[in-house]
Amino acid sequence: MKKLLPLLAAAGLAFSFAARAADAPAAGASAPSKAPTAQQSKMKTCNAEAGDRKGDERKAFMKQCLSASKPATQQDKMKSCNADAKTKKLQGDERKAFMKECLSNKPA
């Protein structure tokens, strides 16, 4: 009985390692593809826009394209327009008209 218990424990351990090895992907198999990150998407877009550019011209374009900041949000526009209205000391209907114009036409 004393020899049976360690033998069963060793067998159980061996089976658990075998099961784990069977669940692991093969060494040559690739992992399932994940969704591209924002940076990877940006790189793909910039690469397509670079087109046939070569050498230093391509490097400069890619650097500029990848470092370009994201477009301003509506909240950023609102802050900017508010600051402009305050600088111009607009009030009442003048301020409303200015804000409407500023928020609708100001480029993002």
N, C-alpha and C. Protein backbone atom coordinates (compact mmCIF):
# COMPACT_ATOMS: atom_id res chain seq x y z
N MET A 1 0.82 -1.19 0.00
CA MET A 1 0.00 0.00 0.00
C MET A 1 0.87 1.26 0.00
N LYS A 2 2.01 1.22 0.74
CA LYS A 2 2.88 2.38 0.80
C LYS A 2 3.51 2.66 -0.56
N LYS A 3 3.72 1.67 -1.39
CA LYS A 3 4.31 1.87 -2.70
C LYS A 3 3.25 2.29 -3.72
N LEU A 4 2.01 1.94 -3.50
CA LEU A 4 0.94 2.23 -4.44
C LEU A 4 0.61 3.73 -4.47
N LEU A 5 0.57 4.38 -3.33
CA LEU A 5 0.23 5.80 -3.25
C LEU A 5 1.24 6.68 -4.00
N PRO A 6 2.55 6.54 -3.80
CA PRO A 6 3.49 7.35 -4.59
C PRO A 6 3.43 7.03 -6.09
N LEU A 7 3.16 5.78 -6.42
CA LEU A 7 3.05 5.39 -7.82
C LEU A 7 1.85 6.08 -8.47
N LEU A 8 0.72 6.12 -7.77
CA LEU A 8 -0.47 6.80 -8.29
C LEU A 8 -0.22 8.31 -8.42
N ALA A 9 0.46 8.90 -7.47
CA ALA A 9 0.76 10.32 -7.52
C ALA A 9 1.67 10.64 -8.71
N ALA A 10 2.66 9.79 -8.95
CA ALA A 10 3.57 10.00 -10.08
C ALA A 10 2.82 9.85 -11.40
N ALA A 11 1.92 8.89 -11.48
CA ALA A 11 1.15 8.68 -12.71
C ALA A 11 0.23 9.88 -12.96
N GLY A 12 -0.39 10.35 -11.92
CA GLY A 12 -1.27 11.52 -12.07
C GLY A 12 -0.49 12.74 -12.53
N LEU A 13 0.67 12.92 -11.98
CA LEU A 13 1.52 14.04 -12.37
C LEU A 13 1.96 13.91 -13.84
N ALA A 14 2.31 12.73 -14.25
CA ALA A 14 2.72 12.49 -15.63
C ALA A 14 1.57 12.76 -16.60
N PHE A 15 0.37 12.32 -16.23
CA PHE A 15 -0.79 12.56 -17.09
C PHE A 15 -1.12 14.05 -17.18
N SER A 16 -0.96 14.77 -16.09
CA SER A 16 -1.27 16.20 -16.14
C SER A 16 -0.27 16.94 -17.03
N PHE A 17 0.99 16.54 -17.01
CA PHE A 17 1.97 17.16 -17.91
C PHE A 17 1.66 16.82 -19.37
N ALA A 18 1.25 15.58 -19.62
CA ALA A 18 0.93 15.16 -20.98
C ALA A 18 -0.29 15.94 -21.49
N ALA A 19 -1.28 16.13 -20.66
CA ALA A 19 -2.48 16.87 -21.06
C ALA A 19 -2.14 18.33 -21.34
N ARG A 20 -1.29 18.90 -20.51
CA ARG A 20 -0.89 20.30 -20.69
C ARG A 20 -0.11 20.46 -22.00
N ALA A 21 0.76 19.53 -22.30
CA ALA A 21 1.54 19.60 -23.53
C ALA A 21 0.65 19.46 -24.76
N ALA A 22 -0.40 18.66 -24.66
CA ALA A 22 -1.31 18.48 -25.79
C ALA A 22 -2.13 19.75 -26.03
N ASP A 23 -2.44 20.50 -24.98
CA ASP A 23 -3.21 21.73 -25.12
C ASP A 23 -2.39 22.88 -25.66
N ALA A 24 -1.08 22.86 -25.46
CA ALA A 24 -0.21 23.95 -25.91
C ALA A 24 -0.12 23.93 -27.43
N PRO A 25 -0.07 25.11 -28.09
CA PRO A 25 0.05 25.13 -29.55
C PRO A 25 1.40 24.60 -30.00
N ALA A 26 1.44 24.07 -31.19
CA ALA A 26 2.69 23.54 -31.73
C ALA A 26 3.69 24.67 -31.90
N ALA A 27 4.96 24.35 -31.89
CA ALA A 27 6.00 25.37 -31.96
C ALA A 27 5.92 26.18 -33.24
N GLY A 28 5.54 25.57 -34.36
CA GLY A 28 5.49 26.27 -35.63
C GLY A 28 4.16 26.98 -35.86
N ALA A 29 3.14 26.70 -35.06
CA ALA A 29 1.83 27.30 -35.28
C ALA A 29 1.82 28.74 -34.78
N SER A 30 1.11 29.56 -35.51
CA SER A 30 1.03 30.97 -35.08
C SER A 30 -0.16 31.16 -34.17
N ALA A 31 -0.05 32.14 -33.29
CA ALA A 31 -1.13 32.45 -32.38
C ALA A 31 -2.26 33.11 -33.17
N PRO A 32 -3.49 33.03 -32.66
CA PRO A 32 -4.59 33.67 -33.36
C PRO A 32 -4.33 35.17 -33.49
N SER A 33 -4.68 35.73 -34.65
CA SER A 33 -4.39 37.14 -34.88
C SER A 33 -5.27 38.02 -34.01
N LYS A 34 -4.68 39.09 -33.49
CA LYS A 34 -5.40 40.03 -32.65
C LYS A 34 -5.73 41.25 -33.49
N ALA A 35 -6.68 42.04 -33.02
CA ALA A 35 -7.02 43.28 -33.73
C ALA A 35 -5.81 44.21 -33.67
N PRO A 36 -5.55 44.94 -34.76
CA PRO A 36 -4.39 45.84 -34.75
C PRO A 36 -4.58 46.99 -33.77
N THR A 37 -3.49 47.42 -33.19
CA THR A 37 -3.54 48.54 -32.26
C THR A 37 -3.71 49.84 -33.06
N ALA A 38 -3.97 50.93 -32.37
CA ALA A 38 -4.14 52.21 -33.03
C ALA A 38 -2.87 52.59 -33.78
N GLN A 39 -1.72 52.35 -33.17
CA GLN A 39 -0.44 52.68 -33.82
C GLN A 39 -0.24 51.83 -35.06
N GLN A 40 -0.61 50.56 -35.01
CA GLN A 40 -0.46 49.70 -36.17
C GLN A 40 -1.39 50.15 -37.30
N SER A 41 -2.60 50.56 -36.95
CA SER A 41 -3.53 51.07 -37.96
C SER A 41 -3.00 52.34 -38.60
N LYS A 42 -2.45 53.22 -37.76
CA LYS A 42 -1.88 54.46 -38.27
C LYS A 42 -0.70 54.18 -39.18
N MET A 43 0.12 53.22 -38.82
CA MET A 43 1.28 52.84 -39.63
C MET A 43 0.81 52.31 -40.98
N LYS A 44 -0.24 51.51 -40.99
CA LYS A 44 -0.75 50.96 -42.24
C LYS A 44 -1.27 52.09 -43.14
N THR A 45 -2.00 53.03 -42.57
CA THR A 45 -2.54 54.15 -43.33
C THR A 45 -1.41 55.01 -43.90
N CYS A 46 -0.45 55.36 -43.06
CA CYS A 46 0.67 56.19 -43.51
C CYS A 46 1.48 55.48 -44.59
N ASN A 47 1.66 54.18 -44.43
CA ASN A 47 2.41 53.40 -45.40
C ASN A 47 1.71 53.43 -46.75
N ALA A 48 0.38 53.31 -46.75
CA ALA A 48 -0.36 53.36 -48.00
C ALA A 48 -0.26 54.74 -48.64
N GLU A 49 -0.31 55.79 -47.82
CA GLU A 49 -0.21 57.16 -48.33
C GLU A 49 1.19 57.47 -48.86
N ALA A 50 2.19 56.81 -48.32
CA ALA A 50 3.57 57.06 -48.76
C ALA A 50 3.77 56.63 -50.20
N GLY A 51 3.02 55.62 -50.63
CA GLY A 51 3.05 55.20 -52.03
C GLY A 51 4.43 54.81 -52.51
N ASP A 52 4.87 55.44 -53.61
CA ASP A 52 6.12 55.08 -54.26
C ASP A 52 7.32 55.89 -53.78
N ARG A 53 7.16 56.65 -52.73
CA ARG A 53 8.29 57.45 -52.23
C ARG A 53 9.40 56.53 -51.76
N LYS A 54 10.60 56.97 -51.94
CA LYS A 54 11.78 56.15 -51.60
C LYS A 54 12.75 56.93 -50.72
N GLY A 55 13.57 56.21 -50.00
CA GLY A 55 14.68 56.78 -49.25
C GLY A 55 14.32 57.83 -48.24
N ASP A 56 15.08 58.92 -48.26
CA ASP A 56 14.90 59.99 -47.27
C ASP A 56 13.54 60.66 -47.37
N GLU A 57 13.03 60.77 -48.59
CA GLU A 57 11.71 61.38 -48.78
C GLU A 57 10.64 60.55 -48.05
N ARG A 58 10.73 59.22 -48.18
CA ARG A 58 9.77 58.33 -47.51
C ARG A 58 9.92 58.41 -45.99
N LYS A 59 11.16 58.41 -45.52
CA LYS A 59 11.41 58.50 -44.08
C LYS A 59 10.81 59.78 -43.51
N ALA A 60 11.02 60.90 -44.20
CA ALA A 60 10.51 62.18 -43.73
C ALA A 60 8.98 62.17 -43.73
N PHE A 61 8.39 61.62 -44.79
CA PHE A 61 6.93 61.56 -44.86
C PHE A 61 6.37 60.69 -43.74
N MET A 62 6.96 59.52 -43.53
CA MET A 62 6.46 58.60 -42.49
C MET A 62 6.59 59.23 -41.11
N LYS A 63 7.70 59.91 -40.87
CA LYS A 63 7.90 60.56 -39.57
C LYS A 63 6.81 61.61 -39.34
N GLN A 64 6.56 62.43 -40.36
CA GLN A 64 5.54 63.48 -40.24
C GLN A 64 4.15 62.85 -40.08
N CYS A 65 3.86 61.84 -40.87
CA CYS A 65 2.54 61.21 -40.85
C CYS A 65 2.27 60.53 -39.50
N LEU A 66 3.24 59.80 -39.00
CA LEU A 66 3.05 59.07 -37.74
C LEU A 66 3.01 59.99 -36.52
N SER A 67 3.64 61.16 -36.63
CA SER A 67 3.66 62.06 -35.49
C SER A 67 2.52 63.07 -35.53
N ALA A 68 1.77 63.09 -36.63
CA ALA A 68 0.66 64.03 -36.75
C ALA A 68 -0.34 63.79 -35.62
N SER A 69 -0.76 64.89 -35.00
CA SER A 69 -1.68 64.76 -33.88
C SER A 69 -3.08 64.46 -34.37
N LYS A 70 -3.88 63.90 -33.50
CA LYS A 70 -5.26 63.58 -33.86
C LYS A 70 -6.05 64.88 -34.02
N PRO A 71 -7.13 64.83 -34.78
CA PRO A 71 -7.92 66.05 -34.98
C PRO A 71 -8.54 66.53 -33.67
N ALA A 72 -8.77 67.82 -33.61
CA ALA A 72 -9.33 68.42 -32.40
C ALA A 72 -10.74 67.90 -32.15
N THR A 73 -11.07 67.68 -30.92
CA THR A 73 -12.41 67.21 -30.56
C THR A 73 -13.34 68.41 -30.43
N GLN A 74 -14.61 68.13 -30.31
CA GLN A 74 -15.59 69.19 -30.14
C GLN A 74 -15.30 69.96 -28.85
N GLN A 75 -14.84 69.25 -27.84
CA GLN A 75 -14.52 69.90 -26.57
C GLN A 75 -13.35 70.88 -26.75
N ASP A 76 -12.36 70.49 -27.54
CA ASP A 76 -11.23 71.38 -27.82
C ASP A 76 -11.68 72.62 -28.57
N LYS A 77 -12.59 72.43 -29.53
CA LYS A 77 -13.14 73.57 -30.28
C LYS A 77 -13.85 74.53 -29.32
N MET A 78 -14.65 73.95 -28.42
CA MET A 78 -15.43 74.77 -27.47
C MET A 78 -14.49 75.60 -26.61
N LYS A 79 -13.42 75.00 -26.12
CA LYS A 79 -12.46 75.74 -25.29
C LYS A 79 -11.85 76.90 -26.08
N SER A 80 -11.45 76.60 -27.30
CA SER A 80 -10.83 77.62 -28.13
C SER A 80 -11.80 78.76 -28.44
N CYS A 81 -13.01 78.42 -28.83
CA CYS A 81 -14.01 79.45 -29.15
C CYS A 81 -14.37 80.27 -27.92
N ASN A 82 -14.48 79.63 -26.76
CA ASN A 82 -14.75 80.36 -25.51
C ASN A 82 -13.64 81.35 -25.21
N ALA A 83 -12.40 80.92 -25.40
CA ALA A 83 -11.26 81.79 -25.14
C ALA A 83 -11.29 82.99 -26.10
N ASP A 84 -11.61 82.73 -27.37
CA ASP A 84 -11.69 83.81 -28.35
C ASP A 84 -12.80 84.80 -27.99
N ALA A 85 -13.94 84.28 -27.59
CA ALA A 85 -15.07 85.14 -27.22
C ALA A 85 -14.72 85.98 -26.00
N LYS A 86 -14.02 85.38 -25.05
CA LYS A 86 -13.62 86.12 -23.85
C LYS A 86 -12.63 87.22 -24.20
N THR A 87 -11.68 86.90 -25.09
CA THR A 87 -10.69 87.88 -25.53
C THR A 87 -11.36 89.07 -26.21
N LYS A 88 -12.39 88.79 -27.00
CA LYS A 88 -13.12 89.85 -27.71
C LYS A 88 -14.17 90.53 -26.83
N LYS A 89 -14.30 90.04 -25.58
CA LYS A 89 -15.25 90.58 -24.61
C LYS A 89 -16.67 90.62 -25.16
N LEU A 90 -17.08 89.51 -25.78
CA LEU A 90 -18.44 89.41 -26.35
C LEU A 90 -19.41 88.96 -25.28
N GLN A 91 -20.64 89.47 -25.38
CA GLN A 91 -21.69 89.10 -24.42
C GLN A 91 -23.02 88.99 -25.14
N GLY A 92 -23.95 88.27 -24.54
CA GLY A 92 -25.31 88.18 -25.04
C GLY A 92 -25.41 87.58 -26.43
N ASP A 93 -26.25 88.25 -27.26
CA ASP A 93 -26.50 87.75 -28.61
C ASP A 93 -25.25 87.75 -29.47
N GLU A 94 -24.38 88.72 -29.28
CA GLU A 94 -23.12 88.75 -30.04
C GLU A 94 -22.29 87.51 -29.75
N ARG A 95 -22.24 87.15 -28.46
CA ARG A 95 -21.46 85.96 -28.06
C ARG A 95 -22.08 84.70 -28.64
N LYS A 96 -23.42 84.59 -28.58
CA LYS A 96 -24.10 83.41 -29.12
C LYS A 96 -23.81 83.26 -30.61
N ALA A 97 -23.93 84.37 -31.34
CA ALA A 97 -23.69 84.34 -32.78
C ALA A 97 -22.23 83.96 -33.07
N PHE A 98 -21.32 84.57 -32.31
CA PHE A 98 -19.90 84.25 -32.51
C PHE A 98 -19.63 82.78 -32.23
N MET A 99 -20.17 82.25 -31.14
CA MET A 99 -19.93 80.85 -30.76
C MET A 99 -20.50 79.90 -31.81
N LYS A 100 -21.69 80.23 -32.32
CA LYS A 100 -22.31 79.38 -33.34
C LYS A 100 -21.42 79.32 -34.58
N GLU A 101 -20.98 80.49 -35.01
CA GLU A 101 -20.11 80.58 -36.18
C GLU A 101 -18.77 79.87 -35.95
N CYS A 102 -18.20 80.11 -34.80
CA CYS A 102 -16.90 79.53 -34.47
C CYS A 102 -16.96 78.00 -34.41
N LEU A 103 -17.97 77.47 -33.75
CA LEU A 103 -18.07 76.02 -33.58
C LEU A 103 -18.44 75.30 -34.88
N SER A 104 -19.16 75.97 -35.76
CA SER A 104 -19.58 75.29 -36.98
C SER A 104 -18.54 75.35 -38.10
N ASN A 105 -17.74 76.42 -38.13
CA ASN A 105 -16.80 76.61 -39.24
C ASN A 105 -15.35 76.36 -38.90
N LYS A 106 -15.00 76.37 -37.67
CA LYS A 106 -13.60 76.23 -37.30
C LYS A 106 -13.10 74.83 -37.67
N PRO A 107 -12.01 74.73 -38.41
CA PRO A 107 -11.52 73.40 -38.79
C PRO A 107 -11.08 72.61 -37.58
N ALA A 108 -11.27 71.30 -37.68
CA ALA A 108 -10.93 70.42 -36.56
C ALA A 108 -9.44 70.26 -36.44
